[in-house]
Amino acid sequence: MRIIGWILVNAIAIGIAAWALPGIEVQGDSLPAKALTLLVVGAIFGLIGATVKPLLKTLSFCFIVLTLGLLLLVINAAMLMLTSWISHKVGFGLYVDTFWWTAIFGSIIISIASAVLGALVPDEQ
């Protein structure tokens, strides 16, 4: 159940970013098609966040410290661009126009929305 909750949190956060920024678009003809796309993209984003992101953070730890954490914004934006690319290859369309500034602001919005929504989802223990 926890995985389903985090997929929903990711989907809602990406939906908020797509609503707030004109450069991020979720493909779908109808509302159910867009909701399905957001769920698949949320799962892809969660999978990338669980596998690729820790590796990048480990490899770039010195640069993260050197930039006082600002490199984390770039890493998050890269994860959003990678999610866009993979979702397009899978057949579910999340389109992010540009890395600078759309993906950067999108990653900020997704991080804030995920933190707020994650605080509302209870942890199972």
N, C-alpha and C. Protein backbone atom coordinates (compact mmCIF):
# COMPACT_ATOMS: atom_id res chain seq x y z
N MET A 1 0.81 -1.20 0.00
CA MET A 1 0.00 0.00 0.00
C MET A 1 0.85 1.26 0.00
N ARG A 2 2.03 1.18 0.61
CA ARG A 2 2.89 2.36 0.67
C ARG A 2 3.38 2.76 -0.72
N ILE A 3 3.67 1.76 -1.56
CA ILE A 3 4.12 2.06 -2.92
C ILE A 3 3.02 2.74 -3.72
N ILE A 4 1.79 2.27 -3.57
CA ILE A 4 0.67 2.90 -4.26
C ILE A 4 0.48 4.34 -3.79
N GLY A 5 0.65 4.56 -2.50
CA GLY A 5 0.55 5.92 -1.97
C GLY A 5 1.60 6.85 -2.55
N TRP A 6 2.84 6.36 -2.69
CA TRP A 6 3.88 7.22 -3.23
C TRP A 6 3.73 7.43 -4.73
N ILE A 7 3.17 6.43 -5.45
CA ILE A 7 2.87 6.64 -6.87
C ILE A 7 1.82 7.73 -7.02
N LEU A 8 0.80 7.69 -6.16
CA LEU A 8 -0.23 8.73 -6.18
C LEU A 8 0.35 10.10 -5.83
N VAL A 9 1.24 10.15 -4.84
CA VAL A 9 1.87 11.42 -4.47
C VAL A 9 2.68 11.96 -5.64
N ASN A 10 3.47 11.10 -6.29
CA ASN A 10 4.25 11.54 -7.45
C ASN A 10 3.35 12.01 -8.58
N ALA A 11 2.27 11.27 -8.84
CA ALA A 11 1.35 11.64 -9.91
C ALA A 11 0.70 12.99 -9.65
N ILE A 12 0.27 13.21 -8.42
CA ILE A 12 -0.36 14.50 -8.09
C ILE A 12 0.66 15.63 -8.17
N ALA A 13 1.88 15.40 -7.69
CA ALA A 13 2.91 16.44 -7.74
C ALA A 13 3.26 16.79 -9.19
N ILE A 14 3.38 15.80 -10.05
CA ILE A 14 3.66 16.06 -11.46
C ILE A 14 2.47 16.76 -12.11
N GLY A 15 1.25 16.39 -11.72
CA GLY A 15 0.07 17.07 -12.23
C GLY A 15 0.03 18.54 -11.82
N ILE A 16 0.44 18.83 -10.59
CA ILE A 16 0.50 20.23 -10.14
C ILE A 16 1.53 21.01 -10.95
N ALA A 17 2.68 20.39 -11.20
CA ALA A 17 3.72 21.06 -11.99
C ALA A 17 3.24 21.29 -13.42
N ALA A 18 2.53 20.31 -13.99
CA ALA A 18 2.01 20.47 -15.36
C ALA A 18 0.93 21.55 -15.41
N TRP A 19 0.16 21.67 -14.34
CA TRP A 19 -0.86 22.71 -14.30
C TRP A 19 -0.23 24.09 -14.13
N ALA A 20 0.83 24.19 -13.34
CA ALA A 20 1.42 25.48 -13.00
C ALA A 20 2.36 26.01 -14.09
N LEU A 21 3.02 25.13 -14.82
CA LEU A 21 4.00 25.57 -15.81
C LEU A 21 3.52 25.25 -17.22
N PRO A 22 3.57 26.23 -18.10
CA PRO A 22 3.12 25.97 -19.48
C PRO A 22 4.08 25.08 -20.27
N GLY A 23 5.29 24.90 -19.83
CA GLY A 23 6.26 24.09 -20.55
C GLY A 23 6.20 22.60 -20.24
N ILE A 24 5.38 22.21 -19.26
CA ILE A 24 5.22 20.80 -18.93
C ILE A 24 3.80 20.40 -19.33
N GLU A 25 3.71 19.34 -20.13
CA GLU A 25 2.41 18.94 -20.66
C GLU A 25 2.21 17.44 -20.47
N VAL A 26 1.03 17.09 -20.01
CA VAL A 26 0.63 15.68 -19.86
C VAL A 26 -0.32 15.37 -21.01
N GLN A 27 0.04 14.38 -21.82
CA GLN A 27 -0.77 14.02 -22.98
C GLN A 27 -1.97 13.19 -22.55
N GLY A 28 -3.06 13.37 -23.25
CA GLY A 28 -4.27 12.60 -23.02
C GLY A 28 -5.45 13.34 -23.60
N ASP A 29 -6.35 12.58 -24.21
CA ASP A 29 -7.52 13.20 -24.84
C ASP A 29 -8.60 13.57 -23.83
N SER A 30 -8.73 12.75 -22.81
CA SER A 30 -9.78 12.97 -21.82
C SER A 30 -9.15 12.98 -20.42
N LEU A 31 -9.97 13.27 -19.45
CA LEU A 31 -9.49 13.29 -18.06
C LEU A 31 -9.04 11.92 -17.58
N PRO A 32 -9.76 10.82 -17.88
CA PRO A 32 -9.25 9.50 -17.47
C PRO A 32 -7.93 9.14 -18.15
N ALA A 33 -7.75 9.54 -19.42
CA ALA A 33 -6.50 9.26 -20.12
C ALA A 33 -5.35 10.04 -19.49
N LYS A 34 -5.60 11.28 -19.11
CA LYS A 34 -4.56 12.07 -18.44
C LYS A 34 -4.24 11.51 -17.06
N ALA A 35 -5.27 11.03 -16.36
CA ALA A 35 -5.05 10.44 -15.03
C ALA A 35 -4.21 9.17 -15.14
N LEU A 36 -4.49 8.34 -16.14
CA LEU A 36 -3.70 7.13 -16.35
C LEU A 36 -2.26 7.49 -16.71
N THR A 37 -2.09 8.50 -17.56
CA THR A 37 -0.75 8.95 -17.92
C THR A 37 -0.01 9.44 -16.69
N LEU A 38 -0.68 10.21 -15.83
CA LEU A 38 -0.04 10.69 -14.61
C LEU A 38 0.34 9.55 -13.68
N LEU A 39 -0.48 8.52 -13.58
CA LEU A 39 -0.14 7.37 -12.73
C LEU A 39 1.08 6.63 -13.26
N VAL A 40 1.14 6.42 -14.57
CA VAL A 40 2.29 5.74 -15.17
C VAL A 40 3.54 6.59 -15.01
N VAL A 41 3.42 7.88 -15.26
CA VAL A 41 4.55 8.79 -15.12
C VAL A 41 4.99 8.88 -13.67
N GLY A 42 4.03 8.85 -12.73
CA GLY A 42 4.37 8.84 -11.31
C GLY A 42 5.15 7.61 -10.92
N ALA A 43 4.78 6.46 -11.50
CA ALA A 43 5.53 5.22 -11.24
C ALA A 43 6.93 5.29 -11.83
N ILE A 44 7.04 5.82 -13.04
CA ILE A 44 8.36 5.96 -13.68
C ILE A 44 9.23 6.92 -12.87
N PHE A 45 8.65 8.03 -12.45
CA PHE A 45 9.39 9.02 -11.67
C PHE A 45 9.86 8.43 -10.34
N GLY A 46 9.01 7.64 -9.70
CA GLY A 46 9.40 6.99 -8.45
C GLY A 46 10.50 5.96 -8.65
N LEU A 47 10.42 5.20 -9.75
CA LEU A 47 11.45 4.21 -10.05
C LEU A 47 12.80 4.88 -10.33
N ILE A 48 12.77 5.97 -11.07
CA ILE A 48 14.01 6.71 -11.35
C ILE A 48 14.55 7.32 -10.07
N GLY A 49 13.65 7.86 -9.24
CA GLY A 49 14.08 8.45 -7.97
C GLY A 49 14.67 7.43 -7.01
N ALA A 50 14.26 6.18 -7.15
CA ALA A 50 14.77 5.13 -6.26
C ALA A 50 16.06 4.49 -6.78
N THR A 51 16.33 4.59 -8.07
CA THR A 51 17.49 3.91 -8.63
C THR A 51 18.58 4.86 -9.11
N VAL A 52 18.24 5.75 -10.01
CA VAL A 52 19.25 6.60 -10.65
C VAL A 52 19.67 7.76 -9.76
N LYS A 53 18.71 8.38 -9.10
CA LYS A 53 19.00 9.57 -8.29
C LYS A 53 20.01 9.31 -7.17
N PRO A 54 19.92 8.22 -6.40
CA PRO A 54 20.94 7.99 -5.36
C PRO A 54 22.34 7.80 -5.94
N LEU A 55 22.42 7.18 -7.09
CA LEU A 55 23.72 7.00 -7.74
C LEU A 55 24.31 8.35 -8.13
N LEU A 56 23.50 9.22 -8.74
CA LEU A 56 23.99 10.55 -9.11
C LEU A 56 24.38 11.37 -7.89
N LYS A 57 23.59 11.29 -6.83
CA LYS A 57 23.92 12.04 -5.62
C LYS A 57 25.20 11.55 -4.98
N THR A 58 25.44 10.24 -5.05
CA THR A 58 26.68 9.70 -4.49
C THR A 58 27.89 10.13 -5.30
N LEU A 59 27.76 10.05 -6.62
CA LEU A 59 28.88 10.41 -7.49
C LEU A 59 29.20 11.90 -7.46
N SER A 60 28.20 12.73 -7.21
CA SER A 60 28.42 14.17 -7.24
C SER A 60 28.40 14.80 -5.85
N PHE A 61 28.65 14.02 -4.81
CA PHE A 61 28.57 14.52 -3.44
C PHE A 61 29.47 15.73 -3.21
N CYS A 62 30.71 15.66 -3.69
CA CYS A 62 31.64 16.79 -3.48
C CYS A 62 31.13 18.07 -4.13
N PHE A 63 30.55 17.95 -5.32
CA PHE A 63 30.03 19.13 -6.01
C PHE A 63 28.76 19.65 -5.35
N ILE A 64 27.99 18.76 -4.76
CA ILE A 64 26.79 19.19 -4.03
C ILE A 64 27.20 20.01 -2.81
N VAL A 65 28.22 19.56 -2.11
CA VAL A 65 28.72 20.31 -0.96
C VAL A 65 29.33 21.63 -1.41
N LEU A 66 30.07 21.60 -2.50
CA LEU A 66 30.73 22.80 -3.01
C LEU A 66 29.72 23.87 -3.43
N THR A 67 28.59 23.45 -4.00
CA THR A 67 27.57 24.41 -4.44
C THR A 67 26.50 24.65 -3.37
N LEU A 68 26.74 24.16 -2.17
CA LEU A 68 25.82 24.32 -1.04
C LEU A 68 24.43 23.76 -1.35
N GLY A 69 24.39 22.67 -2.10
CA GLY A 69 23.15 21.98 -2.39
C GLY A 69 22.42 22.42 -3.63
N LEU A 70 22.90 23.46 -4.31
CA LEU A 70 22.21 23.93 -5.51
C LEU A 70 22.29 22.92 -6.65
N LEU A 71 23.29 22.05 -6.63
CA LEU A 71 23.39 21.03 -7.67
C LEU A 71 22.23 20.04 -7.57
N LEU A 72 21.63 19.92 -6.40
CA LEU A 72 20.47 19.04 -6.24
C LEU A 72 19.31 19.49 -7.12
N LEU A 73 19.17 20.80 -7.35
CA LEU A 73 18.14 21.30 -8.27
C LEU A 73 18.39 20.79 -9.68
N VAL A 74 19.64 20.78 -10.08
CA VAL A 74 20.00 20.30 -11.42
C VAL A 74 19.76 18.79 -11.52
N ILE A 75 20.10 18.06 -10.47
CA ILE A 75 19.87 16.61 -10.46
C ILE A 75 18.37 16.31 -10.53
N ASN A 76 17.57 17.03 -9.76
CA ASN A 76 16.12 16.82 -9.81
C ASN A 76 15.55 17.16 -11.18
N ALA A 77 16.04 18.23 -11.79
CA ALA A 77 15.58 18.59 -13.13
C ALA A 77 16.00 17.53 -14.15
N ALA A 78 17.19 16.97 -13.98
CA ALA A 78 17.63 15.89 -14.88
C ALA A 78 16.76 14.66 -14.72
N MET A 79 16.33 14.37 -13.49
CA MET A 79 15.43 13.23 -13.27
C MET A 79 14.07 13.48 -13.93
N LEU A 80 13.61 14.72 -13.92
CA LEU A 80 12.35 15.06 -14.58
C LEU A 80 12.48 14.91 -16.10
N MET A 81 13.61 15.35 -16.65
CA MET A 81 13.84 15.20 -18.10
C MET A 81 13.95 13.73 -18.47
N LEU A 82 14.62 12.93 -17.64
CA LEU A 82 14.73 11.49 -17.89
C LEU A 82 13.36 10.82 -17.82
N THR A 83 12.54 11.24 -16.87
CA THR A 83 11.18 10.71 -16.79
C THR A 83 10.38 11.06 -18.03
N SER A 84 10.54 12.28 -18.53
CA SER A 84 9.87 12.70 -19.76
C SER A 84 10.30 11.83 -20.93
N TRP A 85 11.58 11.57 -21.04
CA TRP A 85 12.11 10.79 -22.16
C TRP A 85 11.61 9.34 -22.09
N ILE A 86 11.68 8.74 -20.91
CA ILE A 86 11.24 7.35 -20.75
C ILE A 86 9.73 7.23 -20.97
N SER A 87 8.97 8.16 -20.45
CA SER A 87 7.51 8.08 -20.62
C SER A 87 7.13 8.24 -22.09
N HIS A 88 7.86 9.03 -22.83
CA HIS A 88 7.60 9.16 -24.26
C HIS A 88 7.92 7.86 -24.98
N LYS A 89 9.01 7.19 -24.59
CA LYS A 89 9.39 5.91 -25.21
C LYS A 89 8.40 4.80 -24.88
N VAL A 90 7.81 4.85 -23.68
CA VAL A 90 6.85 3.83 -23.26
C VAL A 90 5.49 4.06 -23.92
N GLY A 91 5.21 5.27 -24.31
CA GLY A 91 3.95 5.56 -24.97
C GLY A 91 3.00 6.43 -24.15
N PHE A 92 3.44 6.86 -23.00
CA PHE A 92 2.66 7.77 -22.17
C PHE A 92 3.38 9.10 -22.18
N GLY A 93 2.69 10.15 -22.57
CA GLY A 93 3.37 11.40 -22.84
C GLY A 93 3.42 12.39 -21.71
N LEU A 94 4.59 12.56 -21.16
CA LEU A 94 4.90 13.71 -20.32
C LEU A 94 5.96 14.48 -21.09
N TYR A 95 5.66 15.68 -21.46
CA TYR A 95 6.60 16.47 -22.24
C TYR A 95 7.08 17.67 -21.43
N VAL A 96 8.39 17.81 -21.36
CA VAL A 96 9.02 18.95 -20.71
C VAL A 96 9.79 19.68 -21.80
N ASP A 97 9.45 20.95 -22.01
CA ASP A 97 10.03 21.71 -23.14
C ASP A 97 11.53 21.85 -23.06
N THR A 98 12.01 22.49 -22.02
CA THR A 98 13.44 22.79 -21.92
C THR A 98 13.96 22.45 -20.54
N PHE A 99 15.26 22.26 -20.48
CA PHE A 99 15.90 22.00 -19.19
C PHE A 99 15.93 23.27 -18.37
N TRP A 100 16.46 24.34 -18.95
CA TRP A 100 16.48 25.65 -18.30
C TRP A 100 15.26 26.37 -18.79
N TRP A 101 14.45 26.74 -18.13
CA TRP A 101 13.99 26.92 -16.78
C TRP A 101 12.80 26.03 -16.47
N THR A 102 12.24 25.43 -17.46
CA THR A 102 11.04 24.63 -17.23
C THR A 102 11.30 23.45 -16.31
N ALA A 103 12.34 22.66 -16.60
CA ALA A 103 12.63 21.49 -15.77
C ALA A 103 13.10 21.90 -14.38
N ILE A 104 13.85 22.99 -14.29
CA ILE A 104 14.31 23.47 -12.98
C ILE A 104 13.12 23.87 -12.11
N PHE A 105 12.24 24.73 -12.64
CA PHE A 105 11.07 25.16 -11.86
C PHE A 105 10.12 23.99 -11.63
N GLY A 106 10.00 23.10 -12.61
CA GLY A 106 9.17 21.92 -12.43
C GLY A 106 9.66 21.04 -11.31
N SER A 107 10.97 20.87 -11.21
CA SER A 107 11.52 20.05 -10.14
C SER A 107 11.31 20.70 -8.77
N ILE A 108 11.37 22.02 -8.73
CA ILE A 108 11.10 22.72 -7.47
C ILE A 108 9.64 22.52 -7.05
N ILE A 109 8.72 22.67 -7.99
CA ILE A 109 7.30 22.50 -7.70
C ILE A 109 7.01 21.06 -7.26
N ILE A 110 7.60 20.09 -7.98
CA ILE A 110 7.38 18.68 -7.64
C ILE A 110 7.95 18.36 -6.26
N SER A 111 9.11 18.92 -5.93
CA SER A 111 9.71 18.67 -4.62
C SER A 111 8.84 19.23 -3.50
N ILE A 112 8.35 20.44 -3.67
CA ILE A 112 7.50 21.06 -2.65
C ILE A 112 6.18 20.31 -2.52
N ALA A 113 5.56 19.99 -3.65
CA ALA A 113 4.29 19.27 -3.61
C ALA A 113 4.46 17.87 -3.02
N SER A 114 5.55 17.20 -3.36
CA SER A 114 5.80 15.87 -2.80
C SER A 114 6.03 15.93 -1.30
N ALA A 115 6.72 16.96 -0.84
CA ALA A 115 6.95 17.10 0.60
C ALA A 115 5.64 17.35 1.35
N VAL A 116 4.80 18.21 0.80
CA VAL A 116 3.52 18.51 1.45
C VAL A 116 2.61 17.28 1.41
N LEU A 117 2.49 16.65 0.25
CA LEU A 117 1.63 15.48 0.13
C LEU A 117 2.19 14.29 0.92
N GLY A 118 3.52 14.16 0.94
CA GLY A 118 4.14 13.09 1.70
C GLY A 118 3.91 13.23 3.19
N ALA A 119 3.78 14.46 3.66
CA ALA A 119 3.48 14.67 5.07
C ALA A 119 2.04 14.27 5.41
N LEU A 120 1.17 14.29 4.41
CA LEU A 120 -0.22 13.92 4.63
C LEU A 120 -0.44 12.41 4.56
N VAL A 121 0.47 11.69 3.87
CA VAL A 121 0.35 10.24 3.74
C VAL A 121 0.98 9.59 4.97
N PRO A 122 0.21 8.84 5.74
CA PRO A 122 0.78 8.23 6.95
C PRO A 122 1.73 7.10 6.61
N ASP A 123 2.80 6.97 7.37
CA ASP A 123 3.74 5.87 7.21
C ASP A 123 3.19 4.66 7.93
N GLU A 124 3.28 3.52 7.25
CA GLU A 124 2.84 2.27 7.86
C GLU A 124 4.00 1.67 8.63
N GLN A 125 3.76 1.33 9.88
CA GLN A 125 4.82 0.76 10.71
C GLN A 125 4.35 -0.48 11.40
